[in-house]
Amino acid sequence: MRKIFLILTLFSIFSCVNKKEKTSTELEMQKEFKKNNSDSLDIQIPKDEIGKDSLAHHYICYLDNETSSIKIWISFTEKDKAIGIKYKGQTDSIQLIFDKEEYIEGGAHPTIIKYYSELYNGKVNGIYKLTHSGNWDYVEYTRGKDGKIFNFTIDHNSDPYGKKPCF
């Protein structure tokens, strides 16, 4: 009986070790997104956000962590504010609206996390979490309709921080 208990205890410990725990901020963002989008929320585009892609200072290209053929680029202003995202194969970019920022000290480089709402056809369609630390950039996209999460990592081979999009 002790062996069974020991095995079950070890199994439960190791099964929890590899699971990524969401921060309280991530959980709050997801709850807020679901609450605000339960009725397919319509929002107005702020006047200072219209035409932001024309103000792009640089672009970062990313590859999907699971399917390397899926590529995105995100355009940024001179002050590193994301303003648009485009998936390879799409004709137009999608507008991003800044939500909030976190700054985490520690390690060799601080970590900066910025949250953006994806604005598609006048409605919030998903949430992007952009993480920057040193020369690494990551994107986590939570799709609004089903909460599915997609992860991307900077493509260092596609002229990162370049003046032109990678595709």
Foldseek 3Di string as FASTA:
>chain_A
DVVVVVVVVVVVVVVPPPDDDDDPVVVVVLVVLCVCCVVQDFDDDPPVLPPCVVQFQFKFKKAWPVDRVKIKIFTAHPVGDTFWMDIPPDDDTWGWAWDDKDWADDDPWIKIWTKTFTADPRTGFWMWIWIDTDPKIKIWIQGRPPRDIIIIITDPVQPGRHRDDSD
